[in-house]
């Protein structure tokens, strides 16, 4: 009788240890999933905040746009010019440490990033930025054809980035156009809108910069 009791107790012990081991595996698995989700969430928040900071800097540079004709080296005056994937203008605000004085020529371009990541294999947009002080622009220099190696990356990967321009506030609803040609418009747009969509299922972030009333003339 004692021997049978001892055997039954050992069996119970083995079963108990097995159950405990299974519970521990489940607990540690849940913890691992939770930690990964937390890390992913923290990374997402950090990316979102960084993009908002970048967009605020772009907004400030647009707010400081020079709303008057500027001739450099006898060439045609600088106006705001752009389409849905590029934009160039002259601003009183610099974002590059070396351009701490005077007006700067600014160009933003949006390129397709076809690099495949583990999380997402689809193509993404990336926002690049170029800036040069007007004083340093040579007379025969085609500033609009700056080498891409001179561009700074502001937003590495986003679902979509779009530039849009408002030419008339009398229309209802407002019509944002994706091309602004100064040779056709002969003026600045009333406002510029930048939309950044981080993921395919997320709402876009809009940055709208209203330019001075002088832009109408």
N, C-alpha and C. Protein backbone atom coordinates (compact mmCIF):
# COMPACT_ATOMS: atom_id res chain seq x y z
N UNK A 1 0.82 -1.21 0.00
CA UNK A 1 0.00 0.00 0.00
C UNK A 1 0.85 1.26 0.00
N UNK A 2 1.88 1.32 0.85
CA UNK A 2 2.74 2.51 0.80
C UNK A 2 3.39 2.68 -0.55
N UNK A 3 3.80 1.50 -1.19
CA UNK A 3 4.46 1.62 -2.50
C UNK A 3 3.52 2.21 -3.54
N UNK A 4 2.25 1.75 -3.53
CA UNK A 4 1.30 2.27 -4.51
C UNK A 4 1.01 3.74 -4.27
N UNK A 5 0.96 4.13 -3.00
CA UNK A 5 0.74 5.55 -2.69
C UNK A 5 1.90 6.38 -3.22
N UNK A 6 3.12 5.87 -3.03
CA UNK A 6 4.29 6.62 -3.47
C UNK A 6 4.29 6.76 -4.99
N UNK A 7 3.92 5.70 -5.72
CA UNK A 7 3.86 5.78 -7.17
C UNK A 7 2.80 6.76 -7.64
N UNK A 8 1.66 6.76 -7.03
CA UNK A 8 0.59 7.69 -7.38
C UNK A 8 1.03 9.12 -7.12
N UNK A 9 1.76 9.37 -6.06
CA UNK A 9 2.25 10.71 -5.72
C UNK A 9 3.26 11.19 -6.75
N UNK A 10 4.15 10.31 -7.20
CA UNK A 10 5.13 10.68 -8.22
C UNK A 10 4.45 11.03 -9.54
N UNK A 11 3.40 10.27 -9.88
CA UNK A 11 2.66 10.55 -11.11
C UNK A 11 1.98 11.92 -11.04
N UNK A 12 1.39 12.16 -9.87
CA UNK A 12 0.77 13.47 -9.67
C UNK A 12 1.80 14.59 -9.78
N UNK A 13 2.99 14.34 -9.23
CA UNK A 13 4.05 15.35 -9.28
C UNK A 13 4.47 15.63 -10.72
N UNK A 14 4.61 14.56 -11.51
CA UNK A 14 4.98 14.74 -12.92
C UNK A 14 3.92 15.53 -13.68
N UNK A 15 2.66 15.18 -13.41
CA UNK A 15 1.56 15.91 -14.07
C UNK A 15 1.56 17.38 -13.67
N UNK A 16 1.78 17.62 -12.37
CA UNK A 16 1.80 19.00 -11.88
C UNK A 16 2.94 19.80 -12.51
N UNK A 17 4.12 19.16 -12.58
CA UNK A 17 5.26 19.85 -13.19
C UNK A 17 5.00 20.15 -14.66
N UNK A 18 4.35 19.21 -15.35
CA UNK A 18 4.03 19.44 -16.76
C UNK A 18 3.07 20.61 -16.93
N UNK A 19 2.06 20.64 -16.06
CA UNK A 19 1.08 21.74 -16.12
C UNK A 19 1.76 23.08 -15.83
N UNK A 20 2.63 23.09 -14.81
CA UNK A 20 3.35 24.33 -14.48
C UNK A 20 4.22 24.77 -15.65
N UNK A 21 4.89 23.81 -16.29
CA UNK A 21 5.76 24.14 -17.43
C UNK A 21 4.94 24.75 -18.57
N UNK A 22 3.76 24.16 -18.83
CA UNK A 22 2.90 24.70 -19.89
C UNK A 22 2.45 26.11 -19.56
N UNK A 23 2.06 26.32 -18.29
CA UNK A 23 1.62 27.65 -17.86
C UNK A 23 2.75 28.67 -18.02
N UNK A 24 3.97 28.28 -17.63
CA UNK A 24 5.11 29.19 -17.76
C UNK A 24 5.39 29.54 -19.21
N UNK A 25 5.29 28.52 -20.08
CA UNK A 25 5.49 28.78 -21.52
C UNK A 25 4.46 29.78 -22.03
N UNK A 26 3.21 29.59 -21.63
CA UNK A 26 2.15 30.51 -22.06
C UNK A 26 2.38 31.91 -21.52
N UNK A 27 2.78 32.00 -20.25
CA UNK A 27 3.02 33.32 -19.64
C UNK A 27 4.17 34.04 -20.33
N UNK A 28 5.29 33.33 -20.52
CA UNK A 28 6.44 33.97 -21.16
C UNK A 28 6.15 34.31 -22.62
N UNK A 29 5.35 33.47 -23.29
CA UNK A 29 4.96 33.79 -24.66
C UNK A 29 4.12 35.05 -24.72
N UNK A 30 3.18 35.17 -23.77
CA UNK A 30 2.34 36.37 -23.72
C UNK A 30 3.18 37.61 -23.40
N UNK A 31 4.13 37.44 -22.48
CA UNK A 31 5.01 38.56 -22.14
C UNK A 31 5.84 39.00 -23.34
N UNK A 32 6.35 38.03 -24.08
CA UNK A 32 7.17 38.35 -25.26
C UNK A 32 6.34 39.11 -26.29
N UNK A 33 5.11 38.64 -26.52
CA UNK A 33 4.22 39.33 -27.47
C UNK A 33 3.91 40.74 -26.98
N UNK A 34 3.66 40.85 -25.67
CA UNK A 34 3.37 42.17 -25.10
C UNK A 34 4.54 43.12 -25.22
N UNK A 35 5.74 42.63 -24.98
CA UNK A 35 6.94 43.48 -25.08
C UNK A 35 7.16 43.93 -26.52
N UNK A 36 6.97 43.01 -27.45
CA UNK A 36 7.14 43.37 -28.87
C UNK A 36 6.10 44.41 -29.29
N UNK A 37 4.86 44.22 -28.83
CA UNK A 37 3.82 45.19 -29.16
C UNK A 37 4.13 46.55 -28.56
N UNK A 38 4.64 46.56 -27.33
CA UNK A 38 5.00 47.81 -26.67
C UNK A 38 6.14 48.51 -27.40
N UNK A 39 7.16 47.72 -27.78
CA UNK A 39 8.29 48.30 -28.51
C UNK A 39 7.84 48.86 -29.85
N UNK A 40 6.96 48.12 -30.53
CA UNK A 40 6.46 48.60 -31.82
C UNK A 40 5.64 49.86 -31.64
N UNK A 41 4.83 49.90 -30.58
CA UNK A 41 4.04 51.09 -30.30
C UNK A 41 4.90 52.29 -29.98
N UNK A 42 5.95 52.07 -29.17
CA UNK A 42 6.87 53.16 -28.84
C UNK A 42 7.58 53.67 -30.09
N UNK A 43 7.99 52.75 -30.96
CA UNK A 43 8.65 53.16 -32.20
C UNK A 43 7.70 53.95 -33.09
N UNK A 44 6.42 53.52 -33.12
CA UNK A 44 5.44 54.23 -33.92
C UNK A 44 5.19 55.64 -33.40
N UNK A 45 5.11 55.78 -32.08
CA UNK A 45 4.92 57.11 -31.47
C UNK A 45 6.11 58.00 -31.76
N UNK A 46 7.31 57.45 -31.63
CA UNK A 46 8.52 58.23 -31.90
C UNK A 46 8.57 58.69 -33.36
N UNK A 47 8.22 57.78 -34.28
CA UNK A 47 8.20 58.14 -35.70
C UNK A 47 7.17 59.22 -35.98
N UNK A 48 6.00 59.09 -35.38
CA UNK A 48 4.93 60.07 -35.57
C UNK A 48 5.35 61.44 -35.05
N UNK A 49 5.96 61.48 -33.88
CA UNK A 49 6.40 62.75 -33.31
C UNK A 49 7.51 63.37 -34.16
N UNK A 50 8.43 62.54 -34.64
CA UNK A 50 9.53 63.04 -35.47
C UNK A 50 8.99 63.65 -36.76
N UNK A 51 7.99 63.02 -37.35
CA UNK A 51 7.42 63.54 -38.59
C UNK A 51 6.69 64.86 -38.34
N UNK A 52 6.03 64.97 -37.21
CA UNK A 52 5.35 66.23 -36.89
C UNK A 52 6.37 67.35 -36.71
N UNK A 53 7.51 67.05 -36.11
CA UNK A 53 8.56 68.06 -35.94
C UNK A 53 9.09 68.49 -37.30
N UNK A 54 9.32 67.52 -38.18
CA UNK A 54 9.81 67.82 -39.53
C UNK A 54 8.80 68.68 -40.27
N UNK A 55 7.53 68.31 -40.21
CA UNK A 55 6.49 69.06 -40.91
C UNK A 55 6.35 70.47 -40.35
N UNK A 56 6.58 70.62 -39.06
CA UNK A 56 6.52 71.96 -38.47
C UNK A 56 7.66 72.83 -38.98
N UNK A 57 8.85 72.24 -39.15
CA UNK A 57 9.98 72.99 -39.72
C UNK A 57 9.69 73.40 -41.16
N UNK A 58 9.11 72.48 -41.93
CA UNK A 58 8.74 72.81 -43.31
C UNK A 58 7.70 73.92 -43.33
N UNK A 59 6.74 73.84 -42.43
CA UNK A 59 5.71 74.88 -42.34
C UNK A 59 6.32 76.24 -42.03
N UNK A 60 7.26 76.27 -41.08
CA UNK A 60 7.90 77.54 -40.71
C UNK A 60 8.70 78.11 -41.88
N UNK A 61 9.31 77.24 -42.66
CA UNK A 61 10.08 77.72 -43.80
C UNK A 61 9.15 78.27 -44.88
N UNK A 62 7.99 77.66 -45.04
CA UNK A 62 7.01 78.17 -46.00
C UNK A 62 6.40 79.49 -45.52
N UNK A 63 6.16 79.59 -44.22
CA UNK A 63 5.63 80.84 -43.66
C UNK A 63 6.59 81.99 -43.93
N UNK A 64 7.88 81.69 -43.96
CA UNK A 64 8.92 82.71 -44.16
C UNK A 64 9.27 82.90 -45.63
N UNK A 65 8.41 82.42 -46.54
CA UNK A 65 8.69 82.54 -47.96
C UNK A 65 8.79 84.01 -48.37
N UNK A 66 9.68 84.31 -49.31
CA UNK A 66 9.87 85.67 -49.80
C UNK A 66 8.82 85.93 -50.89
N UNK A 67 7.84 86.76 -50.57
CA UNK A 67 6.73 87.01 -51.49
C UNK A 67 6.99 88.24 -52.34
N UNK A 68 8.07 88.21 -53.05
CA UNK A 68 8.39 89.28 -54.00
C UNK A 68 9.36 88.73 -55.03
N UNK A 69 9.46 89.43 -56.14
CA UNK A 69 10.34 88.99 -57.20
C UNK A 69 11.79 89.18 -56.79
N UNK A 70 12.59 88.15 -57.01
CA UNK A 70 14.02 88.23 -56.70
C UNK A 70 14.78 87.74 -57.91
N UNK A 71 15.58 88.63 -58.48
CA UNK A 71 16.42 88.25 -59.61
C UNK A 71 17.82 87.96 -59.10
N UNK A 72 18.39 86.90 -59.61
CA UNK A 72 19.74 86.50 -59.21
C UNK A 72 20.57 86.31 -60.45
N UNK A 73 21.60 87.15 -60.63
CA UNK A 73 22.48 87.03 -61.79
C UNK A 73 21.79 87.38 -63.09
N UNK A 74 20.78 88.27 -63.03
CA UNK A 74 20.09 88.69 -64.24
C UNK A 74 19.11 87.67 -64.78
N UNK A 75 18.88 86.60 -64.04
CA UNK A 75 17.96 85.56 -64.50
C UNK A 75 16.52 85.94 -64.16
N UNK A 76 15.61 85.06 -64.57
CA UNK A 76 14.21 85.27 -64.25
C UNK A 76 14.03 85.24 -62.73
N UNK A 77 13.04 85.98 -62.22
CA UNK A 77 12.85 86.04 -60.77
C UNK A 77 12.42 84.69 -60.19
N UNK A 78 12.76 84.49 -58.92
CA UNK A 78 12.36 83.28 -58.21
C UNK A 78 10.91 83.41 -57.76
N UNK A 79 10.09 82.46 -58.09
CA UNK A 79 8.74 82.33 -57.56
C UNK A 79 8.63 80.95 -56.93
N UNK A 80 7.51 80.74 -56.26
CA UNK A 80 7.24 79.37 -55.84
C UNK A 80 6.83 78.56 -57.07
N UNK A 81 7.44 77.41 -57.23
CA UNK A 81 7.14 76.53 -58.35
C UNK A 81 7.05 75.11 -57.82
N UNK A 82 6.08 74.36 -58.30
CA UNK A 82 5.99 73.00 -57.80
C UNK A 82 4.93 72.16 -58.46
N UNK A 83 4.97 70.89 -58.13
CA UNK A 83 3.93 69.95 -58.50
C UNK A 83 3.66 69.07 -57.30
N UNK A 84 3.02 67.93 -57.51
CA UNK A 84 2.66 67.09 -56.36
C UNK A 84 3.86 66.41 -55.73
N UNK A 85 5.02 66.35 -56.43
CA UNK A 85 6.18 65.65 -55.92
C UNK A 85 7.43 66.53 -55.78
N UNK A 86 7.30 67.82 -56.00
CA UNK A 86 8.45 68.72 -55.81
C UNK A 86 7.95 70.14 -55.58
N UNK A 87 8.79 70.93 -54.92
CA UNK A 87 8.43 72.31 -54.64
C UNK A 87 9.70 73.11 -54.38
N UNK A 88 9.80 74.30 -54.99
CA UNK A 88 10.97 75.15 -54.80
C UNK A 88 10.54 76.60 -54.63
N UNK A 89 11.27 77.31 -53.78
CA UNK A 89 10.95 78.70 -53.49
C UNK A 89 12.14 79.34 -52.78
N UNK A 90 12.00 80.62 -52.44
CA UNK A 90 13.02 81.34 -51.68
C UNK A 90 12.44 81.69 -50.32
N UNK A 91 13.21 81.44 -49.27
CA UNK A 91 12.72 81.67 -47.91
C UNK A 91 13.71 82.50 -47.10
N UNK A 92 13.18 83.19 -46.11
CA UNK A 92 14.03 83.93 -45.18
C UNK A 92 14.52 83.04 -44.04
N UNK A 93 14.02 81.82 -43.96
CA UNK A 93 14.39 80.91 -42.88
C UNK A 93 15.21 79.75 -43.43
N UNK A 94 16.32 79.49 -42.79
CA UNK A 94 17.18 78.37 -43.17
C UNK A 94 17.06 77.24 -42.16
N UNK A 95 17.16 76.01 -42.66
CA UNK A 95 17.19 74.84 -41.79
C UNK A 95 18.57 74.19 -41.77
N UNK A 96 19.48 74.69 -42.59
CA UNK A 96 20.85 74.17 -42.65
C UNK A 96 21.75 75.08 -41.82
N UNK A 97 22.51 74.54 -40.87
CA UNK A 97 23.35 75.37 -40.01
C UNK A 97 24.28 76.33 -40.75
N UNK A 98 24.80 75.94 -41.90
CA UNK A 98 25.75 76.79 -42.63
C UNK A 98 25.11 78.00 -43.28
N UNK A 99 23.78 78.00 -43.41
CA UNK A 99 23.08 79.12 -44.04
C UNK A 99 22.40 79.99 -42.98
N UNK A 100 23.19 80.57 -42.14
CA UNK A 100 22.64 81.31 -41.00
C UNK A 100 22.35 82.77 -41.31
N UNK A 101 22.59 83.21 -42.54
CA UNK A 101 22.34 84.61 -42.88
C UNK A 101 21.69 84.70 -44.26
N UNK A 102 20.89 85.74 -44.46
CA UNK A 102 20.31 86.01 -45.77
C UNK A 102 19.24 85.03 -46.21
N UNK A 103 18.80 85.21 -47.45
CA UNK A 103 17.76 84.37 -48.03
C UNK A 103 18.35 83.10 -48.63
N UNK A 104 17.54 82.05 -48.65
CA UNK A 104 18.00 80.76 -49.16
C UNK A 104 17.03 80.22 -50.21
N UNK A 105 17.61 79.58 -51.21
CA UNK A 105 16.81 78.84 -52.19
C UNK A 105 16.52 77.47 -51.59
N UNK A 106 15.26 77.05 -51.66
CA UNK A 106 14.83 75.80 -51.04
C UNK A 106 14.16 74.91 -52.08
N UNK A 107 14.46 73.64 -52.01
CA UNK A 107 13.77 72.68 -52.88
C UNK A 107 13.45 71.41 -52.10
N UNK A 108 12.20 70.99 -52.20
CA UNK A 108 11.75 69.73 -51.62
C UNK A 108 11.38 68.78 -52.76
N UNK A 109 11.79 67.54 -52.63
CA UNK A 109 11.39 66.54 -53.61
C UNK A 109 10.91 65.28 -52.88
N UNK A 110 9.99 64.59 -53.53
CA UNK A 110 9.47 63.33 -53.00
C UNK A 110 9.88 62.21 -53.94
N UNK A 111 10.60 61.26 -53.41
CA UNK A 111 11.08 60.13 -54.20
C UNK A 111 10.42 58.84 -53.73
N UNK A 112 10.36 57.89 -54.64
CA UNK A 112 9.84 56.57 -54.29
C UNK A 112 10.95 55.74 -53.67
N UNK A 113 10.68 55.20 -52.50
CA UNK A 113 11.62 54.32 -51.82
C UNK A 113 11.15 52.88 -52.05
N UNK A 114 11.85 52.16 -52.90
CA UNK A 114 11.44 50.79 -53.22
C UNK A 114 12.16 49.75 -52.37
N UNK A 115 12.80 50.19 -51.31
CA UNK A 115 13.47 49.24 -50.41
C UNK A 115 12.43 48.43 -49.65
N UNK A 116 12.59 47.14 -49.64
CA UNK A 116 11.63 46.24 -49.00
C UNK A 116 12.02 46.04 -47.54
N UNK A 117 11.05 46.19 -46.64
CA UNK A 117 11.28 45.94 -45.22
C UNK A 117 10.52 44.68 -44.80
N UNK A 118 10.84 44.18 -43.61
CA UNK A 118 10.18 42.98 -43.11
C UNK A 118 8.70 43.26 -42.83
N UNK A 119 8.41 44.49 -42.37
CA UNK A 119 7.04 44.83 -42.01
C UNK A 119 6.18 45.15 -43.22
N UNK A 120 6.79 45.74 -44.26
CA UNK A 120 6.00 46.19 -45.40
C UNK A 120 6.86 46.11 -46.66
N UNK A 121 6.39 45.38 -47.65
CA UNK A 121 7.16 45.20 -48.88
C UNK A 121 6.75 46.17 -49.98
N UNK A 122 5.77 47.04 -49.72
CA UNK A 122 5.29 47.96 -50.75
C UNK A 122 6.20 49.18 -50.86
N UNK A 123 6.10 49.88 -51.99
CA UNK A 123 6.90 51.08 -52.21
C UNK A 123 6.39 52.21 -51.31
N UNK A 124 7.31 53.04 -50.87
CA UNK A 124 6.98 54.16 -49.99
C UNK A 124 7.54 55.45 -50.56
N UNK A 125 7.03 56.57 -50.04
CA UNK A 125 7.55 57.88 -50.40
C UNK A 125 8.55 58.35 -49.36
N UNK A 126 9.56 59.09 -49.82
CA UNK A 126 10.52 59.71 -48.90
C UNK A 126 10.67 61.17 -49.28
N UNK A 127 10.76 62.02 -48.26
CA UNK A 127 10.86 63.47 -48.47
C UNK A 127 12.30 63.91 -48.31
N UNK A 128 12.83 64.56 -49.35
CA UNK A 128 14.20 65.07 -49.36
C UNK A 128 14.19 66.59 -49.47
N UNK A 129 15.28 67.19 -49.01
CA UNK A 129 15.32 68.65 -48.89
C UNK A 129 16.70 69.17 -49.29
N UNK A 130 16.70 70.28 -50.05
CA UNK A 130 17.95 70.93 -50.47
C UNK A 130 17.83 72.42 -50.21
N UNK A 131 18.94 73.02 -49.85
CA UNK A 131 18.94 74.44 -49.52
C UNK A 131 20.30 75.06 -49.87
N UNK A 132 20.26 76.30 -50.41
CA UNK A 132 21.50 77.00 -50.71
C UNK A 132 21.28 78.50 -50.57
N UNK A 133 22.24 79.17 -49.96
CA UNK A 133 22.15 80.61 -49.78
C UNK A 133 22.22 81.31 -51.14
N UNK A 134 21.38 82.32 -51.33
CA UNK A 134 21.35 83.02 -52.62
C UNK A 134 22.69 83.66 -52.95
N UNK A 135 23.41 84.09 -51.92
CA UNK A 135 24.71 84.73 -52.14
C UNK A 135 25.69 83.76 -52.79
N UNK A 136 25.53 82.47 -52.54
CA UNK A 136 26.47 81.47 -53.03
C UNK A 136 26.09 80.89 -54.39
N UNK A 137 24.96 81.34 -54.94
CA UNK A 137 24.52 80.83 -56.24
C UNK A 137 25.24 81.59 -57.35
N UNK A 138 25.92 80.85 -58.22
CA UNK A 138 26.66 81.47 -59.32
C UNK A 138 25.70 81.90 -60.44
N UNK A 139 26.17 82.84 -61.26
CA UNK A 139 25.32 83.39 -62.32
C UNK A 139 24.91 82.34 -63.34
N UNK A 140 25.82 81.43 -63.65
CA UNK A 140 25.53 80.41 -64.66
C UNK A 140 25.06 79.09 -64.05
N UNK A 141 24.74 79.08 -62.78
CA UNK A 141 24.37 77.84 -62.09
C UNK A 141 22.88 77.56 -62.25
N UNK A 142 22.56 76.34 -62.66
CA UNK A 142 21.16 75.92 -62.75
C UNK A 142 20.79 75.29 -61.41
N UNK A 143 20.30 76.13 -60.53
CA UNK A 143 20.08 75.71 -59.15
C UNK A 143 18.98 74.64 -59.04
N UNK A 144 18.08 74.60 -60.02
CA UNK A 144 16.98 73.63 -59.95
C UNK A 144 17.44 72.20 -60.23
N UNK A 145 18.67 72.05 -60.75
CA UNK A 145 19.21 70.73 -61.06
C UNK A 145 20.30 70.33 -60.06
N UNK A 146 20.05 70.57 -58.80
CA UNK A 146 21.03 70.25 -57.76
C UNK A 146 21.24 68.74 -57.67
N UNK A 147 22.48 68.36 -57.38
CA UNK A 147 22.83 66.94 -57.25
C UNK A 147 22.06 66.33 -56.08
N UNK A 148 21.51 65.14 -56.28
CA UNK A 148 20.73 64.49 -55.24
C UNK A 148 21.57 64.15 -54.01
N UNK A 149 22.87 64.05 -54.18
CA UNK A 149 23.74 63.77 -53.03
C UNK A 149 23.76 64.93 -52.04
N UNK A 150 23.31 66.10 -52.47
CA UNK A 150 23.31 67.28 -51.61
C UNK A 150 22.00 67.43 -50.84
N UNK A 151 21.07 66.52 -51.07
CA UNK A 151 19.77 66.60 -50.40
C UNK A 151 19.83 65.90 -49.04
N UNK A 152 19.07 66.45 -48.10
CA UNK A 152 18.92 65.86 -46.78
C UNK A 152 17.60 65.08 -46.74
N UNK A 153 17.62 63.93 -46.09
CA UNK A 153 16.40 63.14 -45.94
C UNK A 153 15.65 63.60 -44.70
N UNK A 154 14.39 63.98 -44.89
CA UNK A 154 13.56 64.44 -43.77
C UNK A 154 12.59 63.37 -43.30
N UNK A 155 11.94 62.71 -44.24
CA UNK A 155 11.02 61.61 -43.91
C UNK A 155 11.45 60.39 -44.71
N UNK A 156 11.91 59.33 -44.05
CA UNK A 156 12.46 58.18 -44.77
C UNK A 156 11.42 57.32 -45.49
N UNK A 157 10.32 57.01 -44.82
CA UNK A 157 9.32 56.12 -45.43
C UNK A 157 7.93 56.52 -44.97
N UNK A 158 7.06 56.80 -45.94
CA UNK A 158 5.66 57.09 -45.65
C UNK A 158 4.82 56.51 -46.78
N UNK A 159 3.59 56.20 -46.48
CA UNK A 159 2.70 55.62 -47.49
C UNK A 159 2.54 56.57 -48.67
N UNK A 160 2.35 57.86 -48.39
CA UNK A 160 2.26 58.85 -49.46
C UNK A 160 2.55 60.24 -48.91
N UNK A 161 3.19 61.06 -49.74
CA UNK A 161 3.45 62.47 -49.43
C UNK A 161 3.06 63.27 -50.67
N UNK A 162 2.25 64.30 -50.49
CA UNK A 162 1.74 65.07 -51.63
C UNK A 162 1.80 66.56 -51.33
N UNK A 163 2.24 67.34 -52.32
CA UNK A 163 2.17 68.80 -52.27
C UNK A 163 0.97 69.26 -53.10
N UNK A 164 0.23 70.25 -52.58
CA UNK A 164 -0.89 70.82 -53.31
C UNK A 164 -0.92 72.33 -53.12
N UNK A 165 -1.57 73.03 -54.05
CA UNK A 165 -1.52 74.50 -54.07
C UNK A 165 -2.93 75.05 -54.30
N UNK A 166 -3.24 76.11 -53.57
CA UNK A 166 -4.55 76.75 -53.68
C UNK A 166 -4.40 78.06 -54.43
N UNK A 167 -5.10 78.16 -55.56
CA UNK A 167 -4.97 79.37 -56.37
C UNK A 167 -6.10 80.34 -56.22
N UNK A 168 -7.29 79.87 -55.81
CA UNK A 168 -8.46 80.74 -55.74
C UNK A 168 -9.30 80.35 -54.53
N UNK A 169 -9.63 81.34 -53.71
CA UNK A 169 -10.45 81.07 -52.52
C UNK A 169 -11.93 81.33 -52.77
N UNK A 170 -12.29 81.78 -53.98
CA UNK A 170 -13.69 82.09 -54.28
C UNK A 170 -14.48 80.84 -54.66
N UNK A 171 -13.80 79.77 -54.98
CA UNK A 171 -14.48 78.55 -55.40
C UNK A 171 -14.98 77.77 -54.19
N UNK A 172 -16.14 77.17 -54.32
CA UNK A 172 -16.71 76.31 -53.29
C UNK A 172 -17.12 74.98 -53.92
N UNK A 173 -16.59 73.86 -53.48
CA UNK A 173 -15.54 73.76 -52.47
C UNK A 173 -14.18 74.18 -53.02
N UNK A 174 -13.24 74.40 -52.10
CA UNK A 174 -11.90 74.82 -52.52
C UNK A 174 -11.26 73.73 -53.37
N UNK A 175 -10.61 74.14 -54.42
CA UNK A 175 -9.95 73.19 -55.31
C UNK A 175 -8.43 73.33 -55.19
N UNK A 176 -7.83 72.29 -54.64
CA UNK A 176 -6.37 72.25 -54.54
C UNK A 176 -5.81 71.65 -55.82
N UNK A 177 -4.84 72.33 -56.41
CA UNK A 177 -4.24 71.84 -57.64
C UNK A 177 -2.85 71.29 -57.37
N UNK A 178 -2.43 70.31 -58.16
CA UNK A 178 -1.16 69.62 -57.93
C UNK A 178 -0.03 70.15 -58.79
N UNK A 179 -0.27 71.21 -59.53
CA UNK A 179 0.80 71.86 -60.30
C UNK A 179 0.69 73.37 -60.11
N UNK A 180 1.81 74.00 -59.79
CA UNK A 180 1.85 75.47 -59.71
C UNK A 180 3.03 75.95 -60.55
N UNK A 181 2.68 76.51 -61.73
CA UNK A 181 3.67 77.00 -62.67
C UNK A 181 3.65 78.53 -62.66
N UNK A 182 4.72 79.17 -62.17
CA UNK A 182 4.73 80.64 -62.09
C UNK A 182 4.65 81.31 -63.46
N UNK A 183 5.09 80.63 -64.49
CA UNK A 183 5.01 81.21 -65.83
C UNK A 183 3.56 81.29 -66.31
N UNK A 184 2.72 80.44 -65.77
CA UNK A 184 1.30 80.45 -66.12
C UNK A 184 0.50 81.30 -65.14
N UNK A 185 0.76 81.10 -63.84
CA UNK A 185 -0.01 81.78 -62.81
C UNK A 185 0.41 83.24 -62.60
N UNK A 186 1.70 83.52 -62.81
CA UNK A 186 2.25 84.87 -62.65
C UNK A 186 2.11 85.40 -61.22
N UNK A 187 2.04 84.52 -60.28
CA UNK A 187 1.91 84.94 -58.88
C UNK A 187 2.18 83.74 -57.97
N UNK A 188 2.07 83.98 -56.68
CA UNK A 188 2.20 82.91 -55.71
C UNK A 188 0.83 82.29 -55.44
N UNK A 189 0.79 81.05 -54.97
CA UNK A 189 -0.49 80.48 -54.56
C UNK A 189 -0.98 81.13 -53.27
N UNK A 190 -2.26 81.05 -53.03
CA UNK A 190 -2.83 81.59 -51.79
C UNK A 190 -2.38 80.75 -50.60
N UNK A 191 -2.26 79.45 -50.80
CA UNK A 191 -1.86 78.55 -49.72
C UNK A 191 -1.20 77.30 -50.30
N UNK A 192 -0.44 76.65 -49.46
CA UNK A 192 0.21 75.38 -49.82
C UNK A 192 -0.22 74.32 -48.81
N UNK A 193 -0.55 73.15 -49.31
CA UNK A 193 -0.94 72.05 -48.42
C UNK A 193 -0.01 70.86 -48.63
N UNK A 194 0.45 70.32 -47.52
CA UNK A 194 1.28 69.11 -47.54
C UNK A 194 0.52 68.01 -46.80
N UNK A 195 0.33 66.88 -47.44
CA UNK A 195 -0.34 65.76 -46.79
C UNK A 195 0.61 64.58 -46.70
N UNK A 196 0.68 64.02 -45.52
CA UNK A 196 1.55 62.86 -45.26
C UNK A 196 0.70 61.74 -44.68
N UNK A 197 0.69 60.63 -45.36
CA UNK A 197 -0.03 59.45 -44.88
C UNK A 197 0.98 58.40 -44.47
N UNK A 198 0.98 58.04 -43.20
CA UNK A 198 1.99 57.12 -42.69
C UNK A 198 1.74 55.69 -43.13
N UNK A 199 0.48 55.24 -43.07
CA UNK A 199 0.13 53.88 -43.45
C UNK A 199 -1.10 53.91 -44.34
N UNK A 200 -1.34 52.81 -45.04
CA UNK A 200 -2.47 52.76 -45.96
C UNK A 200 -3.80 52.89 -45.24
N UNK A 201 -3.86 52.45 -43.97
CA UNK A 201 -5.11 52.50 -43.23
C UNK A 201 -5.17 53.64 -42.23
N UNK A 202 -4.24 54.58 -42.30
CA UNK A 202 -4.23 55.71 -41.36
C UNK A 202 -4.68 56.99 -42.05
N UNK A 203 -5.21 57.91 -41.25
CA UNK A 203 -5.65 59.20 -41.79
C UNK A 203 -4.42 60.07 -42.08
N UNK A 204 -4.45 60.85 -43.15
CA UNK A 204 -3.29 61.69 -43.48
C UNK A 204 -3.13 62.85 -42.51
N UNK A 205 -1.89 63.29 -42.34
CA UNK A 205 -1.58 64.50 -41.59
C UNK A 205 -1.51 65.65 -42.58
N UNK A 206 -2.27 66.72 -42.32
CA UNK A 206 -2.28 67.86 -43.21
C UNK A 206 -1.55 69.04 -42.59
N UNK A 207 -0.71 69.68 -43.38
CA UNK A 207 -0.08 70.94 -43.00
C UNK A 207 -0.47 71.96 -44.06
N UNK A 208 -1.24 72.97 -43.64
CA UNK A 208 -1.70 74.00 -44.57
C UNK A 208 -1.07 75.33 -44.18
N UNK A 209 -0.38 75.94 -45.13
CA UNK A 209 0.30 77.22 -44.89
C UNK A 209 -0.35 78.26 -45.78
N UNK A 210 -1.00 79.23 -45.17
CA UNK A 210 -1.59 80.33 -45.92
C UNK A 210 -0.53 81.40 -46.14
N UNK A 211 -0.34 81.79 -47.38
CA UNK A 211 0.64 82.81 -47.70
C UNK A 211 0.01 84.20 -47.58
N UNK A 212 0.84 85.22 -47.65
CA UNK A 212 0.37 86.59 -47.49
C UNK A 212 -0.61 86.97 -48.59
N UNK A 213 -1.42 87.99 -48.32
CA UNK A 213 -2.36 88.49 -49.33
C UNK A 213 -1.62 89.02 -50.54
N UNK A 214 -0.34 89.38 -50.36
CA UNK A 214 0.46 89.87 -51.49
C UNK A 214 0.64 88.80 -52.56
N UNK A 215 0.39 87.55 -52.18
CA UNK A 215 0.55 86.46 -53.13
C UNK A 215 -0.45 86.55 -54.26
N UNK A 216 -1.52 87.30 -54.05
CA UNK A 216 -2.56 87.39 -55.06
C UNK A 216 -2.20 88.33 -56.20
N UNK A 217 -1.19 89.15 -56.01
CA UNK A 217 -0.86 90.13 -57.04
C UNK A 217 0.43 89.79 -57.74
